[in-house]
C-alpha cells in the first residue's frame, strides 16, 4: 500500500551522503532522483525519499512522525544505529529490547527527522 515515505532536508547533498552510508547496511541504494529529491530502495517494496520542500520553505520536523527501518537481525540494528551516529545523527535511544518481539534503536538524521531501526524477535 505504501509507495514511499519522504522526509525533508535543508541540504540535499549532505542528506544524500548520510543516507548513502546509513541505508547501505540495510540494502538501500539510490534509486530515482532529481535536483530536489533522492529515493532509496532495497528492491521490492516502499522507498524512502529525502527532498527539499517544493514550496521553497525550510524543511521542518513533524511532531510525532517517525520512519521505521526493518533490519533482519539485532546485530544489524546495533550496526546501523552506530553508523548513523558516526555519520552525524543524534541519538534518540540506544539499541535495546522493548518487549518480547521488538528490538529497536532510534536516531535523528542531520535535519532532525526521527528514525527507528528495528528487528523482530
Protein backbone atom coordinates (compact mmCIF):
# COMPACT_ATOMS: atom_id res chain seq x y z
CA UNK A 1 0.00 0.00 0.00
CA UNK A 2 2.79 2.49 0.79
CA UNK A 3 4.78 3.61 -2.27
CA UNK A 4 7.31 5.75 -0.44
CA UNK A 5 7.94 7.83 2.64
CA UNK A 6 9.50 11.26 2.17
CA UNK A 7 11.43 13.30 4.72
CA UNK A 8 12.55 16.86 4.15
CA UNK A 9 16.07 18.23 4.09
CA UNK A 10 17.62 21.68 4.01
CA UNK A 11 20.85 20.33 2.47
CA UNK A 12 20.12 17.54 -0.01
CA UNK A 13 23.76 16.75 -0.74
CA UNK A 14 24.56 16.23 2.95
CA UNK A 15 21.38 14.16 3.30
CA UNK A 16 22.38 12.00 0.31
CA UNK A 17 25.81 11.36 1.80
CA UNK A 18 24.24 10.48 5.18
CA UNK A 19 21.62 8.09 3.77
CA UNK A 20 24.10 6.50 1.32
CA UNK A 21 26.08 5.28 4.34
CA UNK A 22 23.26 4.56 6.80
CA UNK A 23 20.94 2.71 4.41
CA UNK A 24 23.67 0.65 2.72
CA UNK A 25 23.72 -1.84 5.62
CA UNK A 26 20.01 -2.45 5.07
CA UNK A 27 20.43 -2.97 1.33
CA UNK A 28 19.27 0.54 0.49
CA UNK A 29 20.69 2.11 -2.66
CA UNK A 30 19.99 5.27 -4.57
CA UNK A 31 17.05 4.82 -6.91
CA UNK A 32 15.40 7.59 -8.87
CA UNK A 33 16.27 11.16 -8.04
CA UNK A 34 16.47 14.74 -9.22
CA UNK A 35 17.99 18.03 -8.15
CA UNK A 36 15.38 18.20 -5.33
CA UNK A 37 14.80 14.55 -4.44
CA UNK A 38 16.67 11.32 -3.80
CA UNK A 39 14.85 7.99 -3.44
CA UNK A 40 16.37 4.89 -1.85
CA UNK A 41 15.27 1.34 -2.49
CA UNK A 42 16.18 -2.11 -1.23
CA UNK A 43 14.43 -3.77 -4.15
CA UNK A 44 10.75 -4.62 -3.85
CA UNK A 45 8.51 -2.59 -1.60
CA UNK A 46 8.28 1.01 -0.48
CA UNK A 47 11.08 3.51 -0.97
CA UNK A 48 12.49 6.10 1.38
CA UNK A 49 13.00 9.53 -0.16
CA UNK A 50 14.62 12.74 1.02
CA UNK A 51 13.81 16.03 -0.64
CA UNK A 52 13.98 19.77 -0.38
CA UNK A 53 10.47 21.18 0.16
CA UNK A 54 8.67 22.07 -3.06
CA UNK A 55 7.29 25.28 -1.53
CA UNK A 56 10.88 26.55 -1.07
CA UNK A 57 10.26 26.98 2.67
CA UNK A 58 12.66 25.41 5.21
CA UNK A 59 12.22 21.70 5.89
CA UNK A 60 10.88 21.11 9.39
CA UNK A 61 10.41 18.03 11.54
CA UNK A 62 6.89 16.70 12.07
CA UNK A 63 5.98 16.22 15.71
CA UNK A 64 5.05 12.58 16.22
CA UNK A 65 6.32 11.47 12.80
CA UNK A 66 8.88 8.65 12.64
CA UNK A 67 10.13 6.40 9.86
CA UNK A 68 10.92 2.79 10.83
CA UNK A 69 13.55 0.76 9.01
CA UNK A 70 13.44 -3.04 9.17
CA UNK A 71 16.67 -4.92 9.89
CA UNK A 72 16.98 -8.71 9.61
CA UNK A 73 18.84 -9.06 12.93
CA UNK A 74 19.56 -7.40 16.25
CA UNK A 75 23.24 -7.20 15.32
CA UNK A 76 22.34 -5.16 12.26
CA UNK A 77 20.15 -2.85 14.37
CA UNK A 78 23.22 -2.18 16.53
CA UNK A 79 25.44 -1.64 13.49
CA UNK A 80 23.08 0.71 11.63
CA UNK A 81 22.48 2.77 14.78
CA UNK A 82 26.25 3.10 15.32
CA UNK A 83 26.81 4.06 11.67
CA UNK A 84 24.06 6.69 11.87
CA UNK A 85 25.62 8.25 14.99
CA UNK A 86 29.10 8.15 13.46
CA UNK A 87 27.65 9.89 10.39
CA UNK A 88 26.29 12.79 12.43
CA UNK A 89 22.89 11.56 13.63
CA UNK A 90 21.61 12.43 17.09
CA UNK A 91 20.91 9.50 19.42
CA UNK A 92 17.25 9.15 20.37
CA UNK A 93 17.52 5.77 22.07
CA UNK A 94 20.22 3.13 22.20
CA UNK A 95 19.53 -0.35 20.81
CA UNK A 96 17.54 -2.46 23.26
CA UNK A 97 14.74 -4.95 23.59
CA UNK A 98 11.46 -3.10 24.12
CA UNK A 99 9.32 -6.21 24.59
CA UNK A 100 9.40 -9.91 23.71
CA UNK A 101 9.19 -9.29 19.98
CA UNK A 102 10.72 -5.87 19.31
CA UNK A 103 14.38 -4.82 19.40
CA UNK A 104 14.99 -1.27 18.26
CA UNK A 105 17.14 1.84 18.29
CA UNK A 106 16.33 5.44 17.47
CA UNK A 107 18.14 8.38 15.89
CA UNK A 108 17.51 11.71 14.21
CA UNK A 109 19.09 12.42 10.85
CA UNK A 110 21.02 15.59 10.01
CA UNK A 111 17.76 17.54 9.59
CA UNK A 112 16.17 16.22 12.78
CA UNK A 113 13.84 13.63 11.20
CA UNK A 114 13.27 10.71 13.58
CA UNK A 115 14.08 7.14 12.55
CA UNK A 116 13.82 3.76 14.22
CA UNK A 117 15.79 0.74 13.06
CA UNK A 118 14.33 -2.50 14.40
CA UNK A 119 14.30 -6.26 14.23
CA UNK A 120 11.51 -8.58 15.28
CA UNK A 121 12.21 -11.41 17.65
